[in-house]
PDB file of N, CA and C in Angstrom:
ATOM      1  N   MET A   1    -141.419-235.286  65.250  1.00  0.00           N
ATOM      2  CA  MET A   1    -141.096-235.213  63.842  1.00  0.00           C
ATOM      3  C   MET A   1    -142.282-235.753  63.036  1.00  0.00           C
ATOM      4  N   ILE A   2    -142.587-235.057  61.956  1.00  0.00           N
ATOM      5  CA  ILE A   2    -143.700-235.459  61.101  1.00  0.00           C
ATOM      6  C   ILE A   2    -143.232-236.530  60.129  1.00  0.00           C
ATOM      7  N   LYS A   3    -144.049-237.574  60.016  1.00  0.00           N
ATOM      8  CA  LYS A   3    -143.777-238.598  58.993  1.00  0.00           C
ATOM      9  C   LYS A   3    -144.684-238.277  57.815  1.00  0.00           C
ATOM     10  N   TYR A   4    -144.087-237.712  56.781  1.00  0.00           N
ATOM     11  CA  TYR A   4    -144.852-237.307  55.601  1.00  0.00           C
ATOM     12  C   TYR A   4    -145.286-238.529  54.800  1.00  0.00           C
ATOM     13  N   LYS A   5    -146.545-238.531  54.382  1.00  0.00           N
ATOM     14  CA  LYS A   5    -147.088-239.655  53.632  1.00  0.00           C
ATOM     15  C   LYS A   5    -146.774-239.560  52.143  1.00  0.00           C
ATOM     16  N   ARG A   6    -146.569-238.357  51.652  1.00  0.00           N
ATOM     17  CA  ARG A   6    -146.415-238.170  50.205  1.00  0.00           C
ATOM     18  C   ARG A   6    -145.133-237.423  49.851  1.00  0.00           C
ATOM     19  N   ASN A   7    -144.109-237.621  50.621  1.00  0.00           N
ATOM     20  CA  ASN A   7    -142.781-237.061  50.350  1.00  0.00           C
ATOM     21  C   ASN A   7    -142.748-235.536  50.296  1.00  0.00           C
ATOM     22  N   GLU A   8    -143.675-234.889  51.028  1.00  0.00           N
ATOM     23  CA  GLU A   8    -143.711-233.427  50.990  1.00  0.00           C
ATOM     24  C   GLU A   8    -142.367-232.812  51.363  1.00  0.00           C
ATOM     25  N   ASP A   9    -141.705-233.356  52.377  1.00  0.00           N
ATOM     26  CA  ASP A   9    -140.417-232.803  52.800  1.00  0.00           C
ATOM     27  C   ASP A   9    -139.388-232.875  51.675  1.00  0.00           C
ATOM     28  N   LYS A  10    -139.375-233.975  50.943  1.00  0.00           N
ATOM     29  CA  LYS A  10    -138.452-234.147  49.813  1.00  0.00           C
ATOM     30  C   LYS A  10    -138.754-233.123  48.725  1.00  0.00           C
ATOM     31  N   PHE A  11    -140.040-232.939  48.414  1.00  0.00           N
ATOM     32  CA  PHE A  11    -140.397-232.017  47.340  1.00  0.00           C
ATOM     33  C   PHE A  11    -140.168-230.567  47.737  1.00  0.00           C
ATOM     34  N   ILE A  12    -140.385-230.232  48.991  1.00  0.00           N
ATOM     35  CA  ILE A  12    -140.113-228.864  49.451  1.00  0.00           C
ATOM     36  C   ILE A  12    -138.625-228.553  49.300  1.00  0.00           C
ATOM     37  N   LYS A  13    -137.776-229.505  49.645  1.00  0.00           N
ATOM     38  CA  LYS A  13    -136.321-229.320  49.446  1.00  0.00           C
ATOM     39  C   LYS A  13    -136.009-229.187  47.961  1.00  0.00           C
ATOM     40  N   GLY A  14    -136.657-229.976  47.135  1.00  0.00           N
ATOM     41  CA  GLY A  14    -136.461-229.886  45.686  1.00  0.00           C
ATOM     42  C   GLY A  14    -136.905-228.549  45.128  1.00  0.00           C
ATOM     43  N   ILE A  15    -138.016-228.031  45.636  1.00  0.00           N
ATOM     44  CA  ILE A  15    -138.505-226.716  45.212  1.00  0.00           C
ATOM     45  C   ILE A  15    -137.473-225.648  45.574  1.00  0.00           C
ATOM     46  N   GLN A  16    -136.945-225.723  46.796  1.00  0.00           N
ATOM     47  CA  GLN A  16    -135.932-224.767  47.236  1.00  0.00           C
ATOM     48  C   GLN A  16    -134.707-224.822  46.312  1.00  0.00           C
ATOM     49  N   ALA A  17    -134.262-226.027  45.977  1.00  0.00           N
ATOM     50  CA  ALA A  17    -133.101-226.184  45.091  1.00  0.00           C
ATOM     51  C   ALA A  17    -133.411-225.622  43.701  1.00  0.00           C
ATOM     52  N   TYR A  18    -134.621-225.874  43.200  1.00  0.00           N
ATOM     53  CA  TYR A  18    -135.015-225.347  41.886  1.00  0.00           C
ATOM     54  C   TYR A  18    -135.005-223.826  41.896  1.00  0.00           C
ATOM     55  N   VAL A  19    -135.647-223.225  42.910  1.00  0.00           N
ATOM     56  CA  VAL A  19    -135.703-221.762  43.000  1.00  0.00           C
ATOM     57  C   VAL A  19    -134.294-221.189  43.102  1.00  0.00           C
ATOM     58  N   ASP A  20    -133.460-221.784  43.937  1.00  0.00           N
ATOM     59  CA  ASP A  20    -132.076-221.310  44.077  1.00  0.00           C
ATOM     60  C   ASP A  20    -131.360-221.328  42.725  1.00  0.00           C
ATOM     61  N   ALA A  21    -131.554-222.398  41.954  1.00  0.00           N
ATOM     62  CA  ALA A  21    -130.878-222.530  40.656  1.00  0.00           C
ATOM     63  C   ALA A  21    -131.356-221.480  39.666  1.00  0.00           C
ATOM     64  N   THR A  22    -132.609-221.031  39.783  1.00  0.00           N
ATOM     65  CA  THR A  22    -133.124-220.047  38.823  1.00  0.00           C
ATOM     66  C   THR A  22    -132.415-218.711  38.954  1.00  0.00           C
ATOM     67  N   TYR A  23    -131.845-218.427  40.098  1.00  0.00           N
ATOM     68  CA  TYR A  23    -131.187-217.131  40.273  1.00  0.00           C
ATOM     69  C   TYR A  23    -129.928-216.994  39.435  1.00  0.00           C
ATOM     70  N   SER A  24    -129.374-218.099  38.975  1.00  0.00           N
ATOM     71  CA  SER A  24    -128.234-218.013  38.068  1.00  0.00           C
ATOM     72  C   SER A  24    -128.690-218.123  36.610  1.00  0.00           C
ATOM     73  N   GLN A  25    -129.969-218.428  36.388  1.00  0.00           N
ATOM     74  CA  GLN A  25    -130.494-218.613  35.032  1.00  0.00           C
ATOM     75  C   GLN A  25    -131.310-217.432  34.530  1.00  0.00           C
ATOM     76  N   HIS A  26    -131.740-216.535  35.421  1.00  0.00           N
ATOM     77  CA  HIS A  26    -132.623-215.445  35.003  1.00  0.00           C
ATOM     78  C   HIS A  26    -131.954-214.555  33.969  1.00  0.00           C
ATOM     79  N   TYR A  27    -132.769-214.044  33.094  1.00  0.00           N
ATOM     80  CA  TYR A  27    -132.281-213.150  32.047  1.00  0.00           C
ATOM     81  C   TYR A  27    -132.235-211.735  32.592  1.00  0.00           C
ATOM     82  N   ALA A  28    -131.261-211.471  33.407  1.00  0.00           N
ATOM     83  CA  ALA A  28    -131.115-210.143  34.004  1.00  0.00           C
ATOM     84  C   ALA A  28    -129.984-209.414  33.307  1.00  0.00           C
ATOM     85  N   GLY A  29    -130.194-208.150  33.069  1.00  0.00           N
ATOM     86  CA  GLY A  29    -129.141-207.333  32.476  1.00  0.00           C
ATOM     87  C   GLY A  29    -128.113-206.952  33.522  1.00  0.00           C
ATOM     88  N   ALA A  30    -127.250-206.047  33.145  1.00  0.00           N
ATOM     89  CA  ALA A  30    -126.188-205.599  34.051  1.00  0.00           C
ATOM     90  C   ALA A  30    -126.772-204.972  35.313  1.00  0.00           C
ATOM     91  N   SER A  31    -128.002-204.475  35.216  1.00  0.00           N
ATOM     92  CA  SER A  31    -128.633-203.825  36.374  1.00  0.00           C
ATOM     93  C   SER A  31    -129.122-204.833  37.407  1.00  0.00           C
ATOM     94  N   GLY A  32    -129.159-206.117  37.040  1.00  0.00           N
ATOM     95  CA  GLY A  32    -129.658-207.141  37.948  1.00  0.00           C
ATOM     96  C   GLY A  32    -131.173-207.283  37.906  1.00  0.00           C
ATOM     97  N   ARG A  33    -131.824-206.563  36.996  1.00  0.00           N
ATOM     98  CA  ARG A  33    -133.286-206.628  36.877  1.00  0.00           C
ATOM     99  C   ARG A  33    -133.679-207.753  35.925  1.00  0.00           C
ATOM    100  N   ASP A  34    -134.848-208.334  36.165  1.00  0.00           N
ATOM    101  CA  ASP A  34    -135.378-209.344  35.253  1.00  0.00           C
ATOM    102  C   ASP A  34    -136.778-208.931  34.826  1.00  0.00           C
ATOM    103  N   VAL A  35    -137.427-209.752  34.028  1.00  0.00           N
ATOM    104  CA  VAL A  35    -138.730-209.405  33.486  1.00  0.00           C
ATOM    105  C   VAL A  35    -139.776-209.232  34.599  1.00  0.00           C
ATOM    106  N   VAL A  36    -139.634-209.963  35.695  1.00  0.00           N
ATOM    107  CA  VAL A  36    -140.574-209.823  36.804  1.00  0.00           C
ATOM    108  C   VAL A  36    -140.515-208.403  37.382  1.00  0.00           C
ATOM    109  N   ASP A  37    -139.323-207.834  37.441  1.00  0.00           N
ATOM    110  CA  ASP A  37    -139.200-206.442  37.889  1.00  0.00           C
ATOM    111  C   ASP A  37    -139.986-205.513  36.967  1.00  0.00           C
ATOM    112  N   ASP A  38    -139.907-205.773  35.663  1.00  0.00           N
ATOM    113  CA  ASP A  38    -140.649-204.959  34.698  1.00  0.00           C
ATOM    114  C   ASP A  38    -142.152-205.123  34.871  1.00  0.00           C
ATOM    115  N   TRP A  39    -142.598-206.379  35.088  1.00  0.00           N
ATOM    116  CA  TRP A  39    -144.034-206.604  35.323  1.00  0.00           C
ATOM    117  C   TRP A  39    -144.499-205.846  36.562  1.00  0.00           C
ATOM    118  N   GLU A  40    -143.686-205.871  37.605  1.00  0.00           N
ATOM    119  CA  GLU A  40    -144.042-205.143  38.836  1.00  0.00           C
ATOM    120  C   GLU A  40    -144.105-203.649  38.570  1.00  0.00           C
ATOM    121  N   ASP A  41    -143.122-203.119  37.837  1.00  0.00           N
ATOM    122  CA  ASP A  41    -143.117-201.689  37.514  1.00  0.00           C
ATOM    123  C   ASP A  41    -144.349-201.279  36.721  1.00  0.00           C
ATOM    124  N   CYS A  42    -144.811-202.166  35.836  1.00  0.00           N
ATOM    125  CA  CYS A  42    -145.980-201.870  34.995  1.00  0.00           C
ATOM    126  C   CYS A  42    -147.307-202.135  35.712  1.00  0.00           C
ATOM    127  N   GLY A  43    -147.238-202.738  36.893  1.00  0.00           N
ATOM    128  CA  GLY A  43    -148.463-203.038  37.638  1.00  0.00           C
ATOM    129  C   GLY A  43    -149.211-204.248  37.112  1.00  0.00           C
ATOM    130  N   ILE A  44    -148.514-205.145  36.404  1.00  0.00           N
ATOM    131  CA  ILE A  44    -149.176-206.318  35.827  1.00  0.00           C
ATOM    132  C   ILE A  44    -148.615-207.627  36.367  1.00  0.00           C
ATOM    133  N   ALA A  45    -147.889-207.572  37.460  1.00  0.00           N
ATOM    134  CA  ALA A  45    -147.226-208.772  37.975  1.00  0.00           C
ATOM    135  C   ALA A  45    -148.229-209.868  38.321  1.00  0.00           C
ATOM    136  N   LYS A  46    -149.282-209.519  39.049  1.00  0.00           N
ATOM    137  CA  LYS A  46    -150.267-210.532  39.463  1.00  0.00           C
ATOM    138  C   LYS A  46    -150.832-211.261  38.246  1.00  0.00           C
ATOM    139  N   GLU A  47    -151.216-210.509  37.239  1.00  0.00           N
ATOM    140  CA  GLU A  47    -151.795-211.098  36.037  1.00  0.00           C
ATOM    141  C   GLU A  47    -150.756-211.927  35.283  1.00  0.00           C
ATOM    142  N   ALA A  48    -149.509-211.454  35.239  1.00  0.00           N
ATOM    143  CA  ALA A  48    -148.448-212.199  34.553  1.00  0.00           C
ATOM    144  C   ALA A  48    -148.179-213.525  35.259  1.00  0.00           C
ATOM    145  N   PHE A  49    -148.181-213.497  36.585  1.00  0.00           N
ATOM    146  CA  PHE A  49    -147.962-214.739  37.332  1.00  0.00           C
ATOM    147  C   PHE A  49    -149.091-215.727  37.066  1.00  0.00           C
ATOM    148  N   GLN A  50    -150.336-215.243  37.108  1.00  0.00           N
ATOM    149  CA  GLN A  50    -151.483-216.109  36.842  1.00  0.00           C
ATOM    150  C   GLN A  50    -151.400-216.696  35.432  1.00  0.00           C
ATOM    151  N   SER A  51    -151.043-215.864  34.480  1.00  0.00           N
ATOM    152  CA  SER A  51    -150.980-216.328  33.100  1.00  0.00           C
ATOM    153  C   SER A  51    -149.887-217.375  32.916  1.00  0.00           C
ATOM    154  N   ASN A  52    -148.757-217.218  33.597  1.00  0.00           N
ATOM    155  CA  ASN A  52    -147.689-218.214  33.487  1.00  0.00           C
ATOM    156  C   ASN A  52    -148.058-219.515  34.201  1.00  0.00           C
ATOM    157  N   ILE A  53    -148.799-219.416  35.291  1.00  0.00           N
ATOM    158  CA  ILE A  53    -149.284-220.627  35.969  1.00  0.00           C
ATOM    159  C   ILE A  53    -150.165-221.422  35.001  1.00  0.00           C
ATOM    160  N   ILE A  54    -151.075-220.725  34.332  1.00  0.00           N
ATOM    161  CA  ILE A  54    -151.969-221.374  33.369  1.00  0.00           C
ATOM    162  C   ILE A  54    -151.174-221.942  32.203  1.00  0.00           C
ATOM    163  N   LYS A  55    -150.217-221.161  31.700  1.00  0.00           N
ATOM    164  CA  LYS A  55    -149.399-221.601  30.559  1.00  0.00           C
ATOM    165  C   LYS A  55    -148.704-222.927  30.854  1.00  0.00           C
ATOM    166  N   TYR A  56    -148.018-222.996  32.001  1.00  0.00           N
ATOM    167  CA  TYR A  56    -147.272-224.217  32.307  1.00  0.00           C
ATOM    168  C   TYR A  56    -148.195-225.371  32.686  1.00  0.00           C
ATOM    169  N   ALA A  57    -149.341-225.072  33.268  1.00  0.00           N
ATOM    170  CA  ALA A  57    -150.301-226.138  33.576  1.00  0.00           C
ATOM    171  C   ALA A  57    -150.871-226.735  32.289  1.00  0.00           C
ATOM    172  N   LYS A  58    -151.172-225.874  31.314  1.00  0.00           N
ATOM    173  CA  LYS A  58    -151.702-226.372  30.037  1.00  0.00           C
ATOM    174  C   LYS A  58    -150.636-227.102  29.232  1.00  0.00           C
ATOM    175  N   ARG A  59    -149.380-226.688  29.376  1.00  0.00           N
ATOM    176  CA  ARG A  59    -148.285-227.294  28.625  1.00  0.00           C
ATOM    177  C   ARG A  59    -147.871-228.643  29.201  1.00  0.00           C
ATOM    178  N   PHE A  60    -148.132-228.831  30.497  1.00  0.00           N
ATOM    179  CA  PHE A  60    -147.709-230.064  31.165  1.00  0.00           C
ATOM    180  C   PHE A  60    -148.266-231.282  30.434  1.00  0.00           C
ATOM    181  N   GLY A  61    -147.387-232.231  30.157  1.00  0.00           N
ATOM    182  CA  GLY A  61    -147.790-233.460  29.482  1.00  0.00           C
ATOM    183  C   GLY A  61    -147.750-233.369  27.973  1.00  0.00           C
ATOM    184  N   LYS A  62    -147.630-232.159  27.436  1.00  0.00           N
ATOM    185  CA  LYS A  62    -147.613-231.996  25.982  1.00  0.00           C
ATOM    186  C   LYS A  62    -146.196-231.775  25.480  1.00  0.00           C
ATOM    187  N   LYS A  63    -145.485-230.842  26.087  1.00  0.00           N
ATOM    188  CA  LYS A  63    -144.105-230.558  25.682  1.00  0.00           C
ATOM    189  C   LYS A  63    -143.192-231.354  26.606  1.00  0.00           C
ATOM    190  N   ASP A  64    -142.421-232.238  26.058  1.00  0.00           N
ATOM    191  CA  ASP A  64    -141.501-233.075  26.837  1.00  0.00           C
ATOM    192  C   ASP A  64    -142.236-234.018  27.787  1.00  0.00           C
ATOM    193  N   GLY A  65    -143.469-234.385  27.491  1.00  0.00           N
ATOM    194  CA  GLY A  65    -144.207-235.346  28.317  1.00  0.00           C
ATOM    195  C   GLY A  65    -144.509-234.811  29.707  1.00  0.00           C
ATOM    196  N   ASP A  66    -144.627-235.694  30.660  1.00  0.00           N
ATOM    197  CA  ASP A  66    -144.912-235.302  32.049  1.00  0.00           C
ATOM    198  C   ASP A  66    -143.625-234.757  32.671  1.00  0.00           C
ATOM    199  N   ASN A  67    -143.331-233.521  32.328  1.00  0.00           N
ATOM    200  CA  ASN A  67    -142.073-232.887  32.697  1.00  0.00           C
ATOM    201  C   ASN A  67    -142.177-232.246  34.082  1.00  0.00           C
ATOM    202  N   PRO A  68    -141.480-232.781  35.070  1.00  0.00           N
ATOM    203  CA  PRO A  68    -141.528-232.200  36.418  1.00  0.00           C
ATOM    204  C   PRO A  68    -141.069-230.740  36.461  1.00  0.00           C
ATOM    205  N   LYS A  69    -140.236-230.337  35.488  1.00  0.00           N
ATOM    206  CA  LYS A  69    -139.768-228.950  35.477  1.00  0.00           C
ATOM    207  C   LYS A  69    -140.936-227.980  35.264  1.00  0.00           C
ATOM    208  N   ASP A  70    -141.931-228.390  34.453  1.00  0.00           N
ATOM    209  CA  ASP A  70    -143.117-227.539  34.287  1.00  0.00           C
ATOM    210  C   ASP A  70    -143.849-227.379  35.617  1.00  0.00           C
ATOM    211  N   VAL A  71    -143.929-228.438  36.389  1.00  0.00           N
ATOM    212  CA  VAL A  71    -144.587-228.358  37.701  1.00  0.00           C
ATOM    213  C   VAL A  71    -143.797-227.411  38.613  1.00  0.00           C
ATOM    214  N   MET A  72    -142.469-227.501  38.557  1.00  0.00           N
ATOM    215  CA  MET A  72    -141.637-226.586  39.356  1.00  0.00           C
ATOM    216  C   MET A  72    -141.880-225.141  38.946  1.00  0.00           C
ATOM    217  N   LYS A  73    -142.036-224.892  37.655  1.00  0.00           N
ATOM    218  CA  LYS A  73    -142.309-223.533  37.179  1.00  0.00           C
ATOM    219  C   LYS A  73    -143.660-223.052  37.709  1.00  0.00           C
ATOM    220  N   ILE A  74    -144.652-223.928  37.691  1.00  0.00           N
ATOM    221  CA  ILE A  74    -145.969-223.565  38.232  1.00  0.00           C
ATOM    222  C   ILE A  74    -145.837-223.186  39.706  1.00  0.00           C
ATOM    223  N   ILE A  75    -145.140-224.003  40.462  1.00  0.00           N
ATOM    224  CA  ILE A  75    -144.959-223.734  41.892  1.00  0.00           C
ATOM    225  C   ILE A  75    -144.218-222.422  42.099  1.00  0.00           C
ATOM    226  N   HIS A  76    -143.180-222.179  41.289  1.00  0.00           N
ATOM    227  CA  HIS A  76    -142.400-220.950  41.432  1.00  0.00           C
ATOM    228  C   HIS A  76    -143.276-219.730  41.152  1.00  0.00           C
ATOM    229  N   TYR A  77    -144.085-219.783  40.084  1.00  0.00           N
ATOM    230  CA  TYR A  77    -144.989-218.668  39.802  1.00  0.00           C
ATOM    231  C   TYR A  77    -146.057-218.536  40.887  1.00  0.00           C
ATOM    232  N   CYS A  78    -146.468-219.645  41.498  1.00  0.00           N
ATOM    233  CA  CYS A  78    -147.408-219.575  42.629  1.00  0.00           C
ATOM    234  C   CYS A  78    -146.757-218.851  43.811  1.00  0.00           C
ATOM    235  N   ILE A  79    -145.480-219.107  44.039  1.00  0.00           N
ATOM    236  CA  ILE A  79    -144.760-218.404  45.113  1.00  0.00           C
ATOM    237  C   ILE A  79    -144.690-216.916  44.795  1.00  0.00           C
ATOM    238  N   PHE A  80    -144.380-216.574  43.529  1.00  0.00           N
ATOM    239  CA  PHE A  80    -144.373-215.162  43.131  1.00  0.00           C
ATOM    240  C   PHE A  80    -145.739-214.537  43.388  1.00  0.00           C
ATOM    241  N   LEU A  81    -146.807-215.264  43.036  1.00  0.00           N
ATOM    242  CA  LEU A  81    -148.168-214.760  43.214  1.00  0.00           C
ATOM    243  C   LEU A  81    -148.484-214.568  44.693  1.00  0.00           C
ATOM    244  N   LEU A  82    -148.103-215.526  45.526  1.00  0.00           N
ATOM    245  CA  LEU A  82    -148.315-215.373  46.972  1.00  0.00           C
ATOM    246  C   LEU A  82    -147.598-214.131  47.502  1.00  0.00           C
ATOM    247  N   ASN A  83    -146.382-213.918  47.038  1.00  0.00           N
ATOM    248  CA  ASN A  83    -145.632-212.737  47.462  1.00  0.00           C
ATOM    249  C   ASN A  83    -146.334-211.456  47.006  1.00  0.00           C
ATOM    250  N   GLN A  84    -146.838-211.457  45.764  1.00  0.00           N
ATOM    251  CA  GLN A  84    -147.541-210.285  45.241  1.00  0.00           C
ATOM    252  C   GLN A  84    -148.801-210.002  46.052  1.00  0.00           C
ATOM    253  N   LEU A  85    -149.519-211.051  46.435  1.00  0.00           N
ATOM    254  CA  LEU A  85    -150.718-210.875  47.256  1.00  0.00           C
ATOM    255  C   LEU A  85    -150.369-210.289  48.621  1.00  0.00           C
ATOM    256  N   GLU A  86    -149.246-210.724  49.183  1.00  0.00           N
ATOM    257  CA  GLU A  86    -148.804-210.199  50.469  1.00  0.00           C
ATOM    258  C   GLU A  86    -148.429-208.718  50.355  1.00  0.00           C
ATOM    259  N   ILE A  87    -147.735-208.375  49.279  1.00  0.00           N
ATOM    260  CA  ILE A  87    -147.372-206.974  49.041  1.00  0.00           C
ATOM    261  C   ILE A  87    -148.635-206.134  48.896  1.00  0.00           C
ATOM    262  N   GLN A  88    -149.601-206.633  48.118  1.00  0.00           N
ATOM    263  CA  GLN A  88    -150.845-205.892  47.904  1.00  0.00           C
ATOM    264  C   GLN A  88    -151.632-205.739  49.200  1.00  0.00           C
ATOM    265  N   ALA A  89    -151.673-206.769  50.017  1.00  0.00           N
ATOM    266  CA  ALA A  89    -152.381-206.680  51.302  1.00  0.00           C
ATOM    267  C   ALA A  89    -151.742-205.626  52.194  1.00  0.00           C
ATOM    268  N   ALA A  90    -150.418-205.563  52.196  1.00  0.00           N
ATOM    269  CA  ALA A  90    -149.721-204.551  52.997  1.00  0.00           C
ATOM    270  C   ALA A  90    -150.030-203.150  52.474  1.00  0.00           C
ATOM    271  N   LYS A  91    -150.061-202.987  51.134  1.00  0.00           N
ATOM    272  CA  LYS A  91    -150.394-201.683  50.542  1.00  0.00           C
ATOM    273  C   LYS A  91    -151.838-201.304  50.876  1.00  0.00           C
ATOM    274  N   ASP A  92    -152.749-202.282  50.780  1.00  0.00           N
ATOM    275  CA  ASP A  92    -154.156-202.016  51.099  1.00  0.00           C
ATOM    276  C   ASP A  92    -154.306-201.585  52.549  1.00  0.00           C
ATOM    277  N   GLN A  93    -153.564-202.233  53.446  1.00  0.00           N
ATOM    278  CA  GLN A  93    -153.618-201.888  54.860  1.00  0.00           C
ATOM    279  C   GLN A  93    -153.095-200.473  55.083  1.00  0.00           C
ATOM    280  N   GLU A  94    -152.015-200.111  54.386  1.00  0.00           N
ATOM    281  CA  GLU A  94    -151.486-198.747  54.487  1.00  0.00           C
ATOM    282  C   GLU A  94    -152.509-197.749  54.002  1.00  0.00           C
ATOM    283  N   MET A  95    -153.197-198.081  52.898  1.00  0.00           N
ATOM    284  CA  MET A  95    -154.181-197.181  52.339  1.00  0.00           C
ATOM    285  C   MET A  95    -155.339-197.008  53.315  1.00  0.00           C
ATOM    286  N   ILE A  96    -155.763-198.088  53.945  1.00  0.00           N
ATOM    287  CA  ILE A  96    -156.841-198.007  54.930  1.00  0.00           C
ATOM    288  C   ILE A  96    -156.419-197.112  56.084  1.00  0.00           C
ATOM    289  N   MET A  97    -155.181-197.272  56.552  1.00  0.00           N
ATOM    290  CA  MET A  97    -154.707-196.431  57.646  1.00  0.00           C
ATOM    291  C   MET A  97    -154.620-194.984  57.202  1.00  0.00           C
ATOM    292  N   ASP A  98    -154.170-194.722  55.971  1.00  0.00           N
ATOM    293  CA  ASP A  98    -154.096-193.350  55.472  1.00  0.00           C
ATOM    294  C   ASP A  98    -155.481-192.736  55.382  1.00  0.00           C
ATOM    295  N   ILE A  99    -156.437-193.494  54.873  1.00  0.00           N
ATOM    296  CA  ILE A  99    -157.799-192.994  54.758  1.00  0.00           C
ATOM    297  C   ILE A  99    -158.356-192.712  56.140  1.00  0.00           C
ATOM    298  N   ASN A 100    -158.140-193.609  57.088  1.00  0.00           N
ATOM    299  CA  ASN A 100    -158.627-193.385  58.439  1.00  0.00           C
ATOM    300  C   ASN A 100    -157.979-192.154  59.057  1.00  0.00           C
ATOM    301  N   MET A 101    -156.669-192.002  58.832  1.00  0.00           N
ATOM    302  CA  MET A 101    -155.965-190.846  59.373  1.00  0.00           C
ATOM    303  C   MET A 101    -156.509-189.566  58.754  1.00  0.00           C
ATOM    304  N   GLU A 102    -156.692-189.565  57.442  1.00  0.00           N
ATOM    305  CA  GLU A 102    -157.225-188.382  56.777  1.00  0.00           C
ATOM    306  C   GLU A 102    -158.637-188.081  57.270  1.00  0.00           C
ATOM    307  N   GLY A 103    -159.426-189.123  57.410  1.00  0.00           N
ATOM    308  CA  GLY A 103    -160.789-188.935  57.901  1.00  0.00           C
ATOM    309  C   GLY A 103    -160.790-188.341  59.296  1.00  0.00           C
ATOM    310  N   LYS A 104    -159.887-188.786  60.153  1.00  0.00           N
ATOM    311  CA  LYS A 104    -159.794-188.272  61.515  1.00  0.00           C
ATOM    312  C   LYS A 104    -159.370-186.813  61.499  1.00  0.00           C
ATOM    313  N   ILE A 105    -158.394-186.487  60.683  1.00  0.00           N
ATOM    314  CA  ILE A 105    -157.933-185.108  60.591  1.00  0.00           C
ATOM    315  C   ILE A 105    -159.057-184.219  60.084  1.00  0.00           C
ATOM    316  N   GLN A 106    -159.785-184.670  59.073  1.00  0.00           N
ATOM    317  CA  GLN A 106    -160.887-183.878  58.548  1.00  0.00           C
ATOM    318  C   GLN A 106    -161.971-183.704  59.606  1.00  0.00           C
ATOM    319  N   ALA A 107    -162.263-184.759  60.338  1.00  0.00           N
ATOM    320  CA  ALA A 107    -163.289-184.665  61.376  1.00  0.00           C
ATOM    321  C   ALA A 107    -162.866-183.683  62.462  1.00  0.00           C
ATOM    322  N   GLU A 108    -161.597-183.684  62.849  1.00  0.00           N
ATOM    323  CA  GLU A 108    -161.115-182.752  63.871  1.00  0.00           C
ATOM    324  C   GLU A 108    -161.168-181.321  63.369  1.00  0.00           C
ATOM    325  N   MET A 109    -160.877-181.095  62.105  1.00  0.00           N
ATOM    326  CA  MET A 109    -160.929-179.751  61.553  1.00  0.00           C
ATOM    327  C   MET A 109    -162.365-179.238  61.568  1.00  0.00           C
ATOM    328  N   ILE A 110    -163.298-180.098  61.251  1.00  0.00           N
ATOM    329  CA  ILE A 110    -164.700-179.695  61.235  1.00  0.00           C
ATOM    330  C   ILE A 110    -165.157-179.392  62.655  1.00  0.00           C
ATOM    331  N   ARG A 111    -164.832-180.265  63.623  1.00  0.00           N
ATOM    332  CA  ARG A 111    -165.223-180.042  65.012  1.00  0.00           C
ATOM    333  C   ARG A 111    -164.482-178.873  65.632  1.00  0.00           C
ATOM    334  N   GLY A 112    -163.281-178.578  65.101  1.00  0.00           N
ATOM    335  CA  GLY A 112    -162.465-177.498  65.671  1.00  0.00           C
ATOM    336  C   GLY A 112    -162.987-176.127  65.327  1.00  0.00           C
ATOM    337  N   GLY A 113    -164.000-176.055  64.523  1.00  0.00           N
ATOM    338  CA  GLY A 113    -164.619-174.772  64.262  1.00  0.00           C
ATOM    339  C   GLY A 113    -163.968-173.983  63.144  1.00  0.00           C
ATOM    340  N   PHE A 114    -163.260-174.640  62.241  1.00  0.00           N
ATOM    341  CA  PHE A 114    -162.697-173.902  61.109  1.00  0.00           C
ATOM    342  C   PHE A 114    -163.844-173.467  60.200  1.00  0.00           C
ATOM    343  N   LYS A 115    -163.938-172.166  59.978  1.00  0.00           N
ATOM    344  CA  LYS A 115    -165.006-171.644  59.154  1.00  0.00           C
ATOM    345  C   LYS A 115    -164.408-170.763  58.083  1.00  0.00           C
ATOM    346  N   ASP A 116    -165.135-170.608  56.998  1.00  0.00           N
ATOM    347  CA  ASP A 116    -164.711-169.653  55.991  1.00  0.00           C
ATOM    348  C   ASP A 116    -164.850-168.262  56.583  1.00  0.00           C
ATOM    349  N   GLU A 117    -163.847-167.464  56.455  1.00  0.00           N
ATOM    350  CA  GLU A 117    -163.866-166.108  57.030  1.00  0.00           C
ATOM    351  C   GLU A 117    -164.436-165.134  56.046  1.00  0.00           C
TER     352      GLU A 117
END
């Protein structure tokens, strides 16, 4: 068992509780969609997450003092950003495989002797 020096285990549990609580607070319509879904649809999710991380980091200590909730928001947007990066990496990998597959098919067609008749 790890003996955490800086209460990491306590804060990780707190982060989980905070994230869980946000699912009842999100401004979702009857469709169950929230603004993050819209950002993803528009292709601006990564930038929106980065901008919200900056917003809450700059606000920390100014609005409501040293408000731990702002830190939780930063962490939550960091989790969203990590997820977006993972999604993008998977898409990039698919694109690389598609390009390789297309390149292979094109190379086989050229070697196969397809000529203009």
